[in-house]
Amino acid sequence: MKTIRLDGVVYDISNFKHPGGSVIDYAGQGEDDAGDAFREFHSRSKKAKAVLSSLPVVSSGNSGLTDKSNEFREMRKNL
């Protein structure tokens, strides 16, 4: 099973093909959380939010920010 974590919720993306290609292979894996990246790139997209809500949830519960989440926020701040 292939998963991604967004804001502490783990989604099953085994059958999902991202329009941007393998870009999601680099975010939200393991303990990393891709919530910040998702909001940055898809905050105004109703379609992206609809797709997200259609994905199966594997588990939920916020485990806090990880180093990758903090790195993304720092990079975004510097941009």
Protein backbone atom coordinates (compact mmCIF):
# COMPACT_ATOMS: atom_id res chain seq x y z
CA MET A 1 0.00 0.00 0.00
CA LYS A 2 1.24 3.46 -0.90
CA THR A 3 0.27 6.24 1.51
CA ILE A 4 0.64 9.96 2.06
CA ARG A 5 0.21 11.94 5.30
CA LEU A 6 -1.61 15.28 5.19
CA ASP A 7 -2.13 17.13 8.47
CA GLY A 8 -1.82 13.91 10.45
CA VAL A 9 -4.25 11.94 8.30
CA VAL A 10 -2.82 9.03 6.31
CA TYR A 11 -4.47 8.44 2.94
CA ASP A 12 -4.16 5.38 0.69
CA ILE A 13 -2.89 6.62 -2.67
CA SER A 14 -2.13 3.20 -4.15
CA ASN A 15 -4.61 3.73 -7.00
CA PHE A 16 -4.12 7.49 -7.41
CA LYS A 17 -2.23 8.99 -10.34
CA HIS A 18 -1.16 12.57 -9.64
CA PRO A 19 -1.47 14.83 -12.72
CA GLY A 20 1.98 16.21 -11.92
CA GLY A 21 3.56 12.76 -12.14
CA SER A 22 5.61 11.31 -9.34
CA VAL A 23 5.81 14.58 -7.41
CA ILE A 24 3.89 13.10 -4.47
CA ASP A 25 6.51 10.37 -4.12
CA TYR A 26 8.66 12.96 -2.37
CA ALA A 27 6.19 14.29 0.20
CA GLY A 28 4.19 12.90 3.07
CA GLN A 29 5.97 9.57 3.23
CA GLY A 30 6.60 7.79 6.53
CA GLU A 31 6.42 10.32 9.35
CA ASP A 32 6.70 13.32 6.99
CA ASP A 33 3.57 15.42 6.62
CA ALA A 34 2.71 17.01 3.27
CA GLY A 35 -0.11 19.22 4.55
CA ASP A 36 1.82 22.46 4.01
CA ALA A 37 2.80 21.48 0.46
CA PHE A 38 -0.76 20.44 -0.38
CA ARG A 39 -2.13 23.77 0.84
CA GLU A 40 0.57 25.73 -0.98
CA PHE A 41 -0.10 24.13 -4.35
CA HIS A 42 -3.82 23.33 -4.08
CA SER A 43 -5.37 25.89 -1.71
CA ARG A 44 -7.74 27.28 -4.36
CA SER A 45 -8.44 24.01 -6.19
CA LYS A 46 -11.89 22.58 -5.54
CA LYS A 47 -10.96 19.58 -7.67
CA ALA A 48 -7.90 18.76 -5.54
CA LYS A 49 -9.95 18.98 -2.36
CA ALA A 50 -12.64 16.75 -3.87
CA VAL A 51 -10.05 14.18 -4.91
CA LEU A 52 -8.51 14.26 -1.43
CA SER A 53 -11.86 13.71 0.23
CA SER A 54 -12.48 10.70 -2.05
CA LEU A 55 -9.27 8.92 -1.02
CA PRO A 56 -9.50 6.09 1.53
CA VAL A 57 -8.28 7.10 5.01
CA VAL A 58 -5.85 4.63 6.55
CA SER A 59 -5.47 6.40 9.91
CA SER A 60 -5.93 9.80 11.45
CA GLY A 61 -4.46 11.71 14.33
CA ASN A 62 -1.96 14.51 14.31
CA SER A 63 1.54 13.39 15.18
CA GLY A 64 2.98 16.91 15.10
CA LEU A 65 5.28 18.56 12.62
CA THR A 66 8.26 16.67 11.30
CA ASP A 67 11.61 17.93 10.11
CA LYS A 68 10.39 17.90 6.48
CA SER A 69 7.34 20.00 7.39
CA ASN A 70 9.54 22.50 9.16
CA GLU A 71 11.97 22.53 6.22
CA PHE A 72 9.11 23.27 3.82
CA ARG A 73 7.83 26.12 5.97
CA GLU A 74 11.33 27.59 6.21
CA MET A 75 11.84 27.32 2.44
CA ARG A 76 8.46 28.97 1.81
CA LYS A 77 9.29 31.78 4.21
CA ASN A 78 12.58 32.42 2.40
CA LEU A 79 10.87 32.57 -0.98
